[in-house]
């Protein structure tokens, strides 16, 4: 009963929409999924693996949350809303973790052994984020909504993007100055464009320098110089154009 009371208290502390004990007990599928998983996990490690999988499938049908019976889950896991959450077989979750709807803790291949993520204590994962492979998300880190995490995340960090990169660490903003640090498949194209922009900017500076030098030699503006040339051309034609010619 102590674990159940902890779970209920965690929901009420983290979700301002939780107005009463009865509402939490009846209307929070994430809570139901966690309680069902504890039973399935016990059955799995007692050798009753088919009944454990059947219970997990029933829970998936009832709550929209799929947790493999072999997954290891710590205390006070809060799955908010929960629809579409998937937690893989070798995933390990610490204490006081929060997951939102659509989160996937999945694998990246057909290898056996540890192939799902490890989430340390206090991790927060936004909706529709994908954390894939045998990687570790450090304590008190946050994963932004829609992110795809493919590498380890240090403790006390915030990651966003596809693929995810660190934007905050230990409360300090991390600025990316090298496109290769993003590790995006299009990084090479971004780097090529950046180099091309630098070349064009250098060429523009050179042209501006030439124009400034020409202006220093001719104190008159470019428009005035154009008018002078036009008048000179008219003056050359003066002896050949007669009044009324062409009428």
C-alpha atoms as a PDB file:
ATOM      1  CA  UNK A   1       0.000   0.000   0.000  1.00  0.00           C
ATOM      2  CA  UNK A   2       2.951   2.288   0.581  1.00  0.00           C
ATOM      3  CA  UNK A   3       3.948   2.182  -3.099  1.00  0.00           C
ATOM      4  CA  UNK A   4       0.362   2.878  -4.174  1.00  0.00           C
ATOM      5  CA  UNK A   5       0.166   5.889  -1.862  1.00  0.00           C
ATOM      6  CA  UNK A   6       3.478   7.170  -3.277  1.00  0.00           C
ATOM      7  CA  UNK A   7       2.175   6.823  -6.827  1.00  0.00           C
ATOM      8  CA  UNK A   8      -1.009   8.748  -6.040  1.00  0.00           C
ATOM      9  CA  UNK A   9       0.923  11.484  -4.247  1.00  0.00           C
ATOM     10  CA  UNK A  10       3.310  11.821  -7.213  1.00  0.00           C
ATOM     11  CA  UNK A  11       0.376  12.328  -9.591  1.00  0.00           C
ATOM     12  CA  UNK A  12      -1.195  14.992  -7.408  1.00  0.00           C
ATOM     13  CA  UNK A  13       2.122  16.815  -7.021  1.00  0.00           C
ATOM     14  CA  UNK A  14       3.015  16.854 -10.727  1.00  0.00           C
ATOM     15  CA  UNK A  15      -0.368  17.338 -12.382  1.00  0.00           C
ATOM     16  CA  UNK A  16      -2.363  20.480 -11.494  1.00  0.00           C
ATOM     17  CA  UNK A  17      -5.402  18.907 -13.190  1.00  0.00           C
ATOM     18  CA  UNK A  18      -5.618  16.241 -10.466  1.00  0.00           C
ATOM     19  CA  UNK A  19      -8.364  17.649  -8.237  1.00  0.00           C
ATOM     20  CA  UNK A  20      -9.229  14.758  -5.968  1.00  0.00           C
ATOM     21  CA  UNK A  21      -8.114  11.335  -4.817  1.00  0.00           C
ATOM     22  CA  UNK A  22     -11.094   9.668  -6.476  1.00  0.00           C
ATOM     23  CA  UNK A  23     -10.340  11.378  -9.797  1.00  0.00           C
ATOM     24  CA  UNK A  24      -6.745  10.129  -9.687  1.00  0.00           C
ATOM     25  CA  UNK A  25      -7.838   6.580  -8.897  1.00  0.00           C
ATOM     26  CA  UNK A  26     -10.431   6.415 -11.683  1.00  0.00           C
ATOM     27  CA  UNK A  27      -9.176   8.678 -14.477  1.00  0.00           C
ATOM     28  CA  UNK A  28      -5.398   8.244 -14.789  1.00  0.00           C
ATOM     29  CA  UNK A  29      -4.481   5.416 -17.192  1.00  0.00           C
ATOM     30  CA  UNK A  30      -0.763   5.955 -16.556  1.00  0.00           C
ATOM     31  CA  UNK A  31      -1.320   5.002 -12.937  1.00  0.00           C
ATOM     32  CA  UNK A  32      -3.296   1.905 -13.921  1.00  0.00           C
ATOM     33  CA  UNK A  33      -0.581   0.880 -16.383  1.00  0.00           C
ATOM     34  CA  UNK A  34       2.157   1.168 -13.743  1.00  0.00           C
ATOM     35  CA  UNK A  35       0.191  -0.902 -11.220  1.00  0.00           C
ATOM     36  CA  UNK A  36      -0.576  -3.557 -13.840  1.00  0.00           C
ATOM     37  CA  UNK A  37       3.097  -3.643 -14.863  1.00  0.00           C
ATOM     38  CA  UNK A  38       4.165  -4.479 -11.336  1.00  0.00           C
ATOM     39  CA  UNK A  39       1.992  -7.566 -11.416  1.00  0.00           C
ATOM     40  CA  UNK A  40       3.181  -8.522 -14.918  1.00  0.00           C
ATOM     41  CA  UNK A  41       6.818  -7.927 -13.922  1.00  0.00           C
ATOM     42  CA  UNK A  42       6.424 -10.245 -10.948  1.00  0.00           C
ATOM     43  CA  UNK A  43       4.842 -12.927 -13.122  1.00  0.00           C
ATOM     44  CA  UNK A  44       7.639 -12.561 -15.709  1.00  0.00           C
ATOM     45  CA  UNK A  45      10.413 -13.108 -13.161  1.00  0.00           C
ATOM     46  CA  UNK A  46       8.477 -15.986 -11.592  1.00  0.00           C
ATOM     47  CA  UNK A  47       8.606 -17.849 -14.898  1.00  0.00           C
ATOM     48  CA  UNK A  48       4.990 -17.193 -15.944  1.00  0.00           C
ATOM     49  CA  UNK A  49       5.979 -15.308 -19.065  1.00  0.00           C
ATOM     50  CA  UNK A  50       2.955 -15.955 -21.253  1.00  0.00           C
ATOM     51  CA  UNK A  51       0.495 -14.801 -18.567  1.00  0.00           C
ATOM     52  CA  UNK A  52       2.731 -11.760 -18.025  1.00  0.00           C
ATOM     53  CA  UNK A  53       2.615 -10.884 -21.739  1.00  0.00           C
ATOM     54  CA  UNK A  54      -1.154 -11.434 -21.833  1.00  0.00           C
ATOM     55  CA  UNK A  55      -1.616  -9.067 -18.892  1.00  0.00           C
ATOM     56  CA  UNK A  56       0.598  -6.484 -20.611  1.00  0.00           C
ATOM     57  CA  UNK A  57      -1.479  -6.795 -23.792  1.00  0.00           C
ATOM     58  CA  UNK A  58      -4.713  -6.363 -21.864  1.00  0.00           C
ATOM     59  CA  UNK A  59      -3.264  -3.271 -20.174  1.00  0.00           C
ATOM     60  CA  UNK A  60      -2.245  -1.918 -23.548  1.00  0.00           C
ATOM     61  CA  UNK A  61      -5.801  -2.388 -24.823  1.00  0.00           C
ATOM     62  CA  UNK A  62      -7.278  -0.783 -21.698  1.00  0.00           C
ATOM     63  CA  UNK A  63      -4.898   2.190 -21.240  1.00  0.00           C
ATOM     64  CA  UNK A  64      -3.127   2.699 -24.592  1.00  0.00           C
ATOM     65  CA  UNK A  65       0.226   2.221 -22.821  1.00  0.00           C
ATOM     66  CA  UNK A  66       2.497  -0.700 -23.707  1.00  0.00           C
ATOM     67  CA  UNK A  67       5.097  -1.746 -21.141  1.00  0.00           C
ATOM     68  CA  UNK A  68       7.012  -4.972 -21.636  1.00  0.00           C
ATOM     69  CA  UNK A  69       6.798  -7.130 -18.485  1.00  0.00           C
ATOM     70  CA  UNK A  70      10.594  -7.428 -18.332  1.00  0.00           C
ATOM     71  CA  UNK A  71      11.169  -3.652 -18.184  1.00  0.00           C
ATOM     72  CA  UNK A  72      12.554  -2.388 -14.875  1.00  0.00           C
ATOM     73  CA  UNK A  73      10.673   0.595 -13.436  1.00  0.00           C
ATOM     74  CA  UNK A  74      11.503   2.479 -10.250  1.00  0.00           C
ATOM     75  CA  UNK A  75       9.314   4.388  -7.831  1.00  0.00           C
ATOM     76  CA  UNK A  76       6.851   7.171  -8.575  1.00  0.00           C
ATOM     77  CA  UNK A  77       6.796   6.891 -12.366  1.00  0.00           C
ATOM     78  CA  UNK A  78       4.190   9.342 -13.698  1.00  0.00           C
ATOM     79  CA  UNK A  79       2.835   8.749 -17.212  1.00  0.00           C
ATOM     80  CA  UNK A  80       0.654  11.752 -18.016  1.00  0.00           C
ATOM     81  CA  UNK A  81      -2.178  11.114 -20.524  1.00  0.00           C
ATOM     82  CA  UNK A  82      -0.170   8.124 -21.698  1.00  0.00           C
ATOM     83  CA  UNK A  83      -1.731   7.187 -25.034  1.00  0.00           C
ATOM     84  CA  UNK A  84       0.902   5.648 -27.292  1.00  0.00           C
ATOM     85  CA  UNK A  85       3.662   5.275 -24.692  1.00  0.00           C
ATOM     86  CA  UNK A  86       5.915   2.265 -25.410  1.00  0.00           C
ATOM     87  CA  UNK A  87       8.563   0.964 -22.987  1.00  0.00           C
ATOM     88  CA  UNK A  88      10.767  -1.822 -24.338  1.00  0.00           C
ATOM     89  CA  UNK A  89      11.890  -5.072 -22.783  1.00  0.00           C
ATOM     90  CA  UNK A  90      15.349  -4.065 -21.516  1.00  0.00           C
ATOM     91  CA  UNK A  91      14.477  -0.488 -20.610  1.00  0.00           C
ATOM     92  CA  UNK A  92      15.454   0.644 -17.103  1.00  0.00           C
ATOM     93  CA  UNK A  93      13.691   3.592 -15.452  1.00  0.00           C
ATOM     94  CA  UNK A  94      14.807   5.134 -12.185  1.00  0.00           C
ATOM     95  CA  UNK A  95      12.720   7.011  -9.638  1.00  0.00           C
ATOM     96  CA  UNK A  96      10.553  10.131 -10.088  1.00  0.00           C
ATOM     97  CA  UNK A  97      10.437   9.978 -13.899  1.00  0.00           C
ATOM     98  CA  UNK A  98       7.748  11.737 -15.940  1.00  0.00           C
ATOM     99  CA  UNK A  99       6.667  10.589 -19.409  1.00  0.00           C
ATOM    100  CA  UNK A 100       4.091  12.233 -21.642  1.00  0.00           C
ATOM    101  CA  UNK A 101       1.944  10.745 -24.389  1.00  0.00           C
ATOM    102  CA  UNK A 102       3.571   9.131 -27.398  1.00  0.00           C
ATOM    103  CA  UNK A 103       6.978   8.559 -25.771  1.00  0.00           C
ATOM    104  CA  UNK A 104       8.907   5.556 -27.109  1.00  0.00           C
ATOM    105  CA  UNK A 105      11.764   3.916 -25.227  1.00  0.00           C
ATOM    106  CA  UNK A 106      12.759   1.589 -28.026  1.00  0.00           C
ATOM    107  CA  UNK A 107      15.559  -0.426 -29.543  1.00  0.00           C
ATOM    108  CA  UNK A 108      17.572   0.052 -32.734  1.00  0.00           C
ATOM    109  CA  UNK A 109      17.988  -3.385 -34.228  1.00  0.00           C
ATOM    110  CA  UNK A 110      17.605  -7.095 -33.710  1.00  0.00           C
ATOM    111  CA  UNK A 111      20.521  -7.602 -31.324  1.00  0.00           C
ATOM    112  CA  UNK A 112      19.773  -9.397 -28.088  1.00  0.00           C
ATOM    113  CA  UNK A 113      20.845  -8.200 -24.685  1.00  0.00           C
ATOM    114  CA  UNK A 114      20.536  -4.636 -23.431  1.00  0.00           C
ATOM    115  CA  UNK A 115      19.092  -2.707 -26.373  1.00  0.00           C
ATOM    116  CA  UNK A 116      16.724  -0.185 -24.776  1.00  0.00           C
ATOM    117  CA  UNK A 117      17.427   3.063 -22.914  1.00  0.00           C
ATOM    118  CA  UNK A 118      18.218   3.685 -19.268  1.00  0.00           C
ATOM    119  CA  UNK A 119      16.558   6.741 -17.705  1.00  0.00           C
ATOM    120  CA  UNK A 120      18.114   7.882 -14.439  1.00  0.00           C
ATOM    121  CA  UNK A 121      16.254   9.512 -11.558  1.00  0.00           C
ATOM    122  CA  UNK A 122      14.233  12.648 -12.192  1.00  0.00           C
ATOM    123  CA  UNK A 123      14.188  12.514 -16.004  1.00  0.00           C
ATOM    124  CA  UNK A 124      11.391  14.347 -17.835  1.00  0.00           C
ATOM    125  CA  UNK A 125      10.441  13.261 -21.379  1.00  0.00           C
ATOM    126  CA  UNK A 126       8.112  15.409 -23.503  1.00  0.00           C
ATOM    127  CA  UNK A 127       5.354  14.087 -25.736  1.00  0.00           C
ATOM    128  CA  UNK A 128       6.198  12.064 -28.857  1.00  0.00           C
ATOM    129  CA  UNK A 129       9.897  11.925 -28.011  1.00  0.00           C
ATOM    130  CA  UNK A 130      11.825   8.837 -29.128  1.00  0.00           C
ATOM    131  CA  UNK A 131      14.751   7.559 -27.064  1.00  0.00           C
ATOM    132  CA  UNK A 132      16.332   4.696 -28.962  1.00  0.00           C
ATOM    133  CA  UNK A 133      19.056   2.171 -28.250  1.00  0.00           C
ATOM    134  CA  UNK A 134      21.172   1.240 -25.263  1.00  0.00           C
ATOM    135  CA  UNK A 135      21.828   4.812 -24.147  1.00  0.00           C
ATOM    136  CA  UNK A 136      21.607   6.587 -20.809  1.00  0.00           C
ATOM    137  CA  UNK A 137      19.716   9.764 -19.971  1.00  0.00           C
ATOM    138  CA  UNK A 138      21.412  11.333 -16.952  1.00  0.00           C
ATOM    139  CA  UNK A 139      19.763  12.434 -13.714  1.00  0.00           C
ATOM    140  CA  UNK A 140      17.322  15.353 -13.853  1.00  0.00           C
ATOM    141  CA  UNK A 141      17.676  15.760 -17.620  1.00  0.00           C
ATOM    142  CA  UNK A 142      14.836  16.859 -19.874  1.00  0.00           C
ATOM    143  CA  UNK A 143      14.021  15.625 -23.379  1.00  0.00           C
ATOM    144  CA  UNK A 144      12.018  18.057 -25.500  1.00  0.00           C
ATOM    145  CA  UNK A 145       8.799  17.093 -27.243  1.00  0.00           C
ATOM    146  CA  UNK A 146       9.284  15.380 -30.600  1.00  0.00           C
ATOM    147  CA  UNK A 147      13.016  14.831 -30.087  1.00  0.00           C
ATOM    148  CA  UNK A 148      14.883  11.747 -31.292  1.00  0.00           C
ATOM    149  CA  UNK A 149      17.654  10.844 -28.850  1.00  0.00           C
ATOM    150  CA  UNK A 150      20.338   8.486 -30.152  1.00  0.00           C
ATOM    151  CA  UNK A 151      23.277   9.223 -27.814  1.00  0.00           C
ATOM    152  CA  UNK A 152      23.887   9.474 -24.085  1.00  0.00           C
ATOM    153  CA  UNK A 153      22.688  12.643 -22.371  1.00  0.00           C
ATOM    154  CA  UNK A 154      24.724  14.024 -19.430  1.00  0.00           C
ATOM    155  CA  UNK A 155      23.007  14.750 -16.109  1.00  0.00           C
ATOM    156  CA  UNK A 156      21.145  18.051 -15.656  1.00  0.00           C
ATOM    157  CA  UNK A 157      20.863  18.670 -19.397  1.00  0.00           C
ATOM    158  CA  UNK A 158      18.092  19.632 -21.801  1.00  0.00           C
ATOM    159  CA  UNK A 159      18.079  18.154 -25.303  1.00  0.00           C
ATOM    160  CA  UNK A 160      15.894  18.935 -28.310  1.00  0.00           C
ATOM    161  CA  UNK A 161      15.823  18.233 -32.033  1.00  0.00           C
ATOM    162  CA  UNK A 162      16.115  15.442 -34.584  1.00  0.00           C
ATOM    163  CA  UNK A 163      18.616  14.090 -33.798  1.00  0.00           C
ATOM    164  CA  UNK A 164      18.638  15.609 -30.316  1.00  0.00           C
ATOM    165  CA  UNK A 165      21.427  17.954 -29.200  1.00  0.00           C
ATOM    166  CA  UNK A 166      22.101  19.665 -25.897  1.00  0.00           C
ATOM    167  CA  UNK A 167      20.814  23.234 -25.495  1.00  0.00           C
ATOM    168  CA  UNK A 168      21.176  23.563 -21.705  1.00  0.00           C
ATOM    169  CA  UNK A 169      23.610  21.922 -19.315  1.00  0.00           C
ATOM    170  CA  UNK A 170      23.871  22.635 -15.596  1.00  0.00           C
ATOM    171  CA  UNK A 171      21.548  25.603 -16.150  1.00  0.00           C
ATOM    172  CA  UNK A 172      23.767  27.236 -18.793  1.00  0.00           C
ATOM    173  CA  UNK A 173      22.826  27.791 -22.434  1.00  0.00           C
ATOM    174  CA  UNK A 174      24.901  25.750 -24.885  1.00  0.00           C
ATOM    175  CA  UNK A 175      25.457  27.510 -28.215  1.00  0.00           C
ATOM    176  CA  UNK A 176      26.377  25.444 -31.262  1.00  0.00           C
ATOM    177  CA  UNK A 177      28.869  27.205 -33.526  1.00  0.00           C
ATOM    178  CA  UNK A 178      29.966  24.182 -35.552  1.00  0.00           C
ATOM    179  CA  UNK A 179      27.234  22.542 -37.701  1.00  0.00           C
ATOM    180  CA  UNK A 180      28.986  19.177 -37.277  1.00  0.00           C
ATOM    181  CA  UNK A 181      28.031  19.215 -33.594  1.00  0.00           C
ATOM    182  CA  UNK A 182      24.361  18.826 -34.572  1.00  0.00           C
ATOM    183  CA  UNK A 183      25.156  15.443 -36.176  1.00  0.00           C
ATOM    184  CA  UNK A 184      22.354  15.881 -38.671  1.00  0.00           C
ATOM    185  CA  UNK A 185      22.458  13.949 -41.994  1.00  0.00           C
ATOM    186  CA  UNK A 186      22.321  17.331 -43.738  1.00  0.00           C
ATOM    187  CA  UNK A 187      25.227  18.786 -41.756  1.00  0.00           C
ATOM    188  CA  UNK A 188      27.577  18.546 -44.754  1.00  0.00           C
ATOM    189  CA  UNK A 189      25.133  20.516 -46.896  1.00  0.00           C
ATOM    190  CA  UNK A 190      24.793  23.147 -44.164  1.00  0.00           C
ATOM    191  CA  UNK A 191      28.573  23.401 -43.892  1.00  0.00           C
ATOM    192  CA  UNK A 192      28.924  23.826 -47.677  1.00  0.00           C
ATOM    193  CA  UNK A 193      26.274  26.565 -47.674  1.00  0.00           C
ATOM    194  CA  UNK A 194      27.988  28.295 -44.763  1.00  0.00           C
ATOM    195  CA  UNK A 195      31.313  28.291 -46.598  1.00  0.00           C
ATOM    196  CA  UNK A 196      29.673  29.634 -49.749  1.00  0.00           C
ATOM    197  CA  UNK A 197      28.034  32.450 -47.782  1.00  0.00           C
ATOM    198  CA  UNK A 198      31.420  33.370 -46.291  1.00  0.00           C
ATOM    199  CA  UNK A 199      32.952  33.501 -49.787  1.00  0.00           C
ATOM    200  CA  UNK A 200      30.143  35.731 -51.066  1.00  0.00           C
ATOM    201  CA  UNK A 201      30.437  38.023 -48.060  1.00  0.00           C
ATOM    202  CA  UNK A 202      34.179  38.356 -48.648  1.00  0.00           C
ATOM    203  CA  UNK A 203      33.582  39.171 -52.308  1.00  0.00           C
ATOM    204  CA  UNK A 204      30.955  41.745 -51.315  1.00  0.00           C
ATOM    205  CA  UNK A 205      33.404  43.389 -48.928  1.00  0.00           C
ATOM    206  CA  UNK A 206      35.978  43.591 -51.720  1.00  0.00           C
ATOM    207  CA  UNK A 207      33.466  45.189 -54.096  1.00  0.00           C
ATOM    208  CA  UNK A 208      32.378  47.673 -51.440  1.00  0.00           C
ATOM    209  CA  UNK A 209      36.015  48.546 -50.908  1.00  0.00           C
ATOM    210  CA  UNK A 210      36.511  49.171 -54.651  1.00  0.00           C
ATOM    211  CA  UNK A 211      33.390  51.330 -54.762  1.00  0.00           C
ATOM    212  CA  UNK A 212      34.522  53.337 -51.750  1.00  0.00           C
ATOM    213  CA  UNK A 213      37.896  53.878 -53.395  1.00  0.00           C
ATOM    214  CA  UNK A 214      36.221  55.095 -56.601  1.00  0.00           C
ATOM    215  CA  UNK A 215      34.049  57.500 -54.611  1.00  0.00           C
ATOM    216  CA  UNK A 216      37.123  58.948 -52.927  1.00  0.00           C
ATOM    217  CA  UNK A 217      38.668  59.656 -56.344  1.00  0.00           C
ATOM    218  CA  UNK A 218      35.478  61.323 -57.626  1.00  0.00           C
ATOM    219  CA  UNK A 219      33.883  63.590 -55.045  1.00  0.00           C
ATOM    220  CA  UNK A 220      30.761  63.869 -57.225  1.00  0.00           C
ATOM    221  CA  UNK A 221      28.075  61.268 -56.832  1.00  0.00           C
ATOM    222  CA  UNK A 222      27.584  58.485 -59.353  1.00  0.00           C
ATOM    223  CA  UNK A 223      24.394  60.104 -60.614  1.00  0.00           C
ATOM    224  CA  UNK A 224      26.160  63.427 -61.220  1.00  0.00           C
ATOM    225  CA  UNK A 225      28.916  61.651 -63.153  1.00  0.00           C
ATOM    226  CA  UNK A 226      26.251  59.967 -65.284  1.00  0.00           C
ATOM    227  CA  UNK A 227      24.623  63.330 -66.075  1.00  0.00           C
ATOM    228  CA  UNK A 228      27.985  64.802 -67.089  1.00  0.00           C
ATOM    229  CA  UNK A 229      28.628  61.935 -69.493  1.00  0.00           C
ATOM    230  CA  UNK A 230      25.126  62.342 -70.970  1.00  0.00           C
ATOM    231  CA  UNK A 231      25.671  66.057 -71.581  1.00  0.00           C
ATOM    232  CA  UNK A 232      29.002  65.356 -73.249  1.00  0.00           C
ATOM    233  CA  UNK A 233      27.319  62.940 -75.638  1.00  0.00           C
ATOM    234  CA  UNK A 234      24.664  65.544 -76.524  1.00  0.00           C
ATOM    235  CA  UNK A 235      27.362  68.135 -77.116  1.00  0.00           C
ATOM    236  CA  UNK A 236      29.107  65.813 -79.615  1.00  0.00           C
ATOM    237  CA  UNK A 237      25.868  65.373 -81.561  1.00  0.00           C
ATOM    238  CA  UNK A 238      25.101  69.144 -81.666  1.00  0.00           C
ATOM    239  CA  UNK A 239      26.804  69.769 -85.042  1.00  0.00           C
ATOM    240  CA  UNK A 240      24.962  66.922 -86.763  1.00  0.00           C
ATOM    241  CA  UNK A 241      21.396  67.464 -85.538  1.00  0.00           C
ATOM    242  CA  UNK A 242      19.438  70.263 -87.260  1.00  0.00           C
ATOM    243  CA  UNK A 243      16.368  71.967 -85.866  1.00  0.00           C
ATOM    244  CA  UNK A 244      13.216  70.231 -87.067  1.00  0.00           C
ATOM    245  CA  UNK A 245      15.092  67.307 -88.636  1.00  0.00           C
ATOM    246  CA  UNK A 246      12.968  64.251 -89.067  1.00  0.00           C
ATOM    247  CA  UNK A 247       9.649  66.116 -89.115  1.00  0.00           C
END
